[in-house]
Amino acid sequence: MALNSEVKTLINDMADAIHKLYDIRTPISDIDQVVESIGGTVVENELLTGFSDGKIKKTGPDSFSIEISPFQTEERKNFTIAHELGHLFLHMGFQSNEKKWRAQDDVKYYRTGNSTSEYQANEFAAAFLMPRKEYKRIMDKYTKGNIVNTSEVAKYFHVSVDAAANRGKWLGYLEW
């Protein structure tokens, strides 16, 4: 299930707007601190294993909690946390839809499955961690001839090589 280009553009624009609103700079070296600056907390939960390595829930009128599995690499944790922020802003109405946000009291979003909302949260995570313009600048810096060193791109953004390569493909910079 792929997202159409209009939806991807809207999600990328939202990620850019959130960067601007909360004065978030990339590369994000401490995503836990970013979550705290927005009003949330990140907690490791050893019970999150198997099909879900993260979940998010509302914890108060202006607060939320992201639980992550400790059995992930740092790069995977960064993407999982950013994915959960995607649910926060795209699906829970945080800071954008008061009625929807108030209705979130008993709702939890898990990072699992392949529904439209999961694809949207993945797109948000990639856009949040690797904004379009900065991705292109960094990719160009690590390109020699027609070879892109995605390992260096990944290292710069604190994400996995797979996440960096997929972002380049989704943006149309790299071939599938």
Protein backbone atom coordinates (compact mmCIF):
# COMPACT_ATOMS: atom_id res chain seq x y z
CA MET A 1 0.00 0.00 0.00
CA ALA A 2 1.81 3.09 -1.24
CA LEU A 3 0.96 6.66 -0.37
CA ASN A 4 0.21 8.96 -3.27
CA SER A 5 2.51 11.91 -3.90
CA GLU A 6 0.00 14.49 -2.62
CA VAL A 7 -0.27 12.76 0.76
CA LYS A 8 3.52 12.40 0.96
CA THR A 9 3.93 16.10 0.20
CA LEU A 10 1.44 17.06 2.92
CA ILE A 11 3.19 14.82 5.47
CA ASN A 12 6.60 16.24 4.54
CA ASP A 13 5.24 19.78 4.81
CA MET A 14 3.83 18.96 8.25
CA ALA A 15 7.18 17.57 9.42
CA ASP A 16 8.88 20.76 8.18
CA ALA A 17 6.28 22.91 9.98
CA ILE A 18 6.84 21.01 13.24
CA HIS A 19 10.59 21.55 12.93
CA LYS A 20 9.92 25.26 12.56
CA LEU A 21 7.28 25.45 15.31
CA TYR A 22 9.44 23.72 17.92
CA ASP A 23 12.80 25.03 16.61
CA ILE A 24 14.09 21.51 15.95
CA ARG A 25 17.45 21.34 14.22
CA THR A 26 18.79 18.46 12.15
CA PRO A 27 20.51 16.22 12.45
CA ILE A 28 18.61 15.22 15.58
CA SER A 29 21.23 13.82 17.93
CA ASP A 30 18.98 13.45 21.00
CA ILE A 31 15.43 12.59 20.00
CA ASP A 32 14.41 12.01 23.64
CA GLN A 33 15.16 15.69 24.33
CA VAL A 34 13.08 16.68 21.28
CA VAL A 35 10.15 14.63 22.63
CA GLU A 36 10.50 16.32 26.04
CA SER A 37 10.53 19.78 24.43
CA ILE A 38 7.20 18.95 22.76
CA GLY A 39 5.62 17.74 26.02
CA GLY A 40 6.30 14.00 26.00
CA THR A 41 8.44 11.37 27.62
CA VAL A 42 10.23 8.32 26.22
CA VAL A 43 10.20 5.15 28.31
CA GLU A 44 11.80 1.81 27.56
CA ASN A 45 9.46 -1.16 28.00
CA GLU A 46 10.94 -4.66 27.86
CA LEU A 47 7.48 -6.11 27.22
CA LEU A 48 7.41 -4.50 23.77
CA THR A 49 8.82 -7.24 21.58
CA GLY A 50 7.92 -9.17 18.49
CA PHE A 51 5.55 -7.29 16.25
CA SER A 52 5.67 -3.90 17.96
CA ASP A 53 8.74 -1.95 18.99
CA GLY A 54 6.95 1.23 20.02
CA LYS A 55 3.66 2.75 21.11
CA ILE A 56 2.30 6.16 22.02
CA LYS A 57 -0.49 7.29 24.29
CA LYS A 58 -1.88 10.51 25.69
CA THR A 59 -1.00 10.97 29.37
CA GLY A 60 -2.51 14.38 30.14
CA PRO A 61 -4.11 17.47 28.60
CA ASP A 62 -0.83 18.49 26.94
CA SER A 63 1.36 15.43 27.42
CA PHE A 64 2.06 12.02 25.95
CA SER A 65 4.30 9.03 26.47
CA ILE A 66 6.21 6.99 23.91
CA GLU A 67 7.18 3.48 24.97
CA ILE A 68 9.93 1.76 23.03
CA SER A 69 11.52 -1.64 23.11
CA PRO A 70 15.07 -1.54 24.52
CA PHE A 71 15.98 -4.37 22.13
CA GLN A 72 16.64 -2.07 19.15
CA THR A 73 19.69 -0.29 17.80
CA GLU A 74 19.97 3.44 18.56
CA GLU A 75 19.18 4.17 14.92
CA ARG A 76 16.05 2.00 15.03
CA LYS A 77 14.96 3.67 18.30
CA ASN A 78 15.27 7.08 16.63
CA PHE A 79 13.04 5.96 13.75
CA THR A 80 10.55 4.28 16.12
CA ILE A 81 10.24 7.43 18.23
CA ALA A 82 9.85 9.61 15.12
CA HIS A 83 7.23 7.14 13.82
CA GLU A 84 5.27 7.52 17.06
CA LEU A 85 5.51 11.31 16.71
CA GLY A 86 3.91 10.78 13.31
CA HIS A 87 0.91 9.20 15.03
CA LEU A 88 0.87 12.06 17.54
CA PHE A 89 0.65 14.79 14.93
CA LEU A 90 -1.11 12.98 12.06
CA HIS A 91 -3.63 10.78 13.86
CA MET A 92 -4.07 11.97 17.45
CA GLY A 93 -4.66 15.67 16.80
CA PHE A 94 -1.91 16.90 19.15
CA GLN A 95 -1.66 20.70 18.89
CA SER A 96 -3.89 20.72 15.80
CA ASN A 97 -7.32 19.23 16.53
CA GLU A 98 -8.55 19.80 20.08
CA LYS A 99 -11.63 17.56 19.72
CA LYS A 100 -9.60 14.66 18.32
CA TRP A 101 -6.89 15.13 20.99
CA ARG A 102 -9.48 15.10 23.82
CA ALA A 103 -10.84 11.80 22.45
CA GLN A 104 -7.43 10.08 22.74
CA ASP A 105 -7.64 9.25 26.46
CA ASP A 106 -7.84 5.47 26.06
CA VAL A 107 -6.31 5.12 22.59
CA LYS A 108 -2.84 3.67 21.99
CA TYR A 109 -0.99 3.55 18.69
CA TYR A 110 1.46 0.71 18.19
CA ARG A 111 4.23 0.56 15.63
CA THR A 112 3.02 -2.59 13.93
CA GLY A 113 1.20 -3.72 10.82
CA ASN A 114 0.88 -2.20 7.39
CA SER A 115 -2.20 -0.02 7.48
CA THR A 116 -2.44 3.39 5.83
CA SER A 117 -1.80 5.09 9.18
CA GLU A 118 1.40 3.03 9.62
CA TYR A 119 2.66 4.04 6.17
CA GLN A 120 1.81 7.66 6.97
CA ALA A 121 3.69 7.47 10.29
CA ASN A 122 6.70 5.95 8.50
CA GLU A 123 6.68 8.76 5.94
CA PHE A 124 6.48 11.30 8.78
CA ALA A 125 9.39 9.63 10.62
CA ALA A 126 11.58 9.75 7.51
CA ALA A 127 10.63 13.38 6.81
CA PHE A 128 11.12 14.37 10.45
CA LEU A 129 14.57 12.78 10.78
CA MET A 130 15.75 13.49 7.21
CA PRO A 131 14.07 16.65 5.85
CA ARG A 132 13.97 16.84 2.03
CA LYS A 133 16.33 19.77 1.49
CA GLU A 134 18.88 18.67 4.05
CA TYR A 135 18.76 15.09 2.78
CA LYS A 136 19.62 16.29 -0.73
CA ARG A 137 22.47 18.48 0.57
CA ILE A 138 23.98 15.64 2.62
CA MET A 139 23.44 13.08 -0.13
CA ASP A 140 25.26 15.34 -2.61
CA LYS A 141 28.12 15.75 -0.11
CA TYR A 142 28.57 11.96 0.02
CA THR A 143 28.17 11.29 -3.70
CA LYS A 144 31.13 10.51 -5.95
CA GLY A 145 30.25 10.14 -9.62
CA ASN A 146 26.95 8.26 -9.50
CA ILE A 147 27.68 6.38 -6.25
CA VAL A 148 26.02 7.57 -3.05
CA ASN A 149 27.59 6.57 0.25
CA THR A 150 24.31 5.93 2.08
CA SER A 151 26.26 4.72 5.11
CA GLU A 152 27.60 8.27 5.64
CA VAL A 153 24.16 9.77 4.98
CA ALA A 154 22.70 7.40 7.59
CA LYS A 155 25.44 8.25 10.08
CA TYR A 156 24.79 11.98 9.63
CA PHE A 157 21.05 11.62 10.33
CA HIS A 158 21.44 8.97 13.10
CA VAL A 159 19.33 6.43 11.20
CA SER A 160 19.93 2.99 9.72
CA VAL A 161 21.42 2.58 6.26
CA ASP A 162 18.10 1.07 5.15
CA ALA A 163 16.18 4.14 6.39
CA ALA A 164 18.59 6.51 4.61
CA ALA A 165 18.45 4.49 1.37
CA ASN A 166 14.65 4.25 1.47
CA ARG A 167 14.36 8.00 2.06
CA GLY A 168 16.51 8.64 -1.00
CA LYS A 169 14.32 6.29 -3.05
CA TRP A 170 11.06 7.81 -1.79
CA LEU A 171 12.37 11.29 -2.66
CA GLY A 172 13.32 10.09 -6.16
CA TYR A 173 17.05 10.66 -5.67
CA LEU A 174 18.05 6.99 -5.65
CA GLU A 175 16.89 4.13 -7.86
CA TRP A 176 14.82 1.23 -6.56
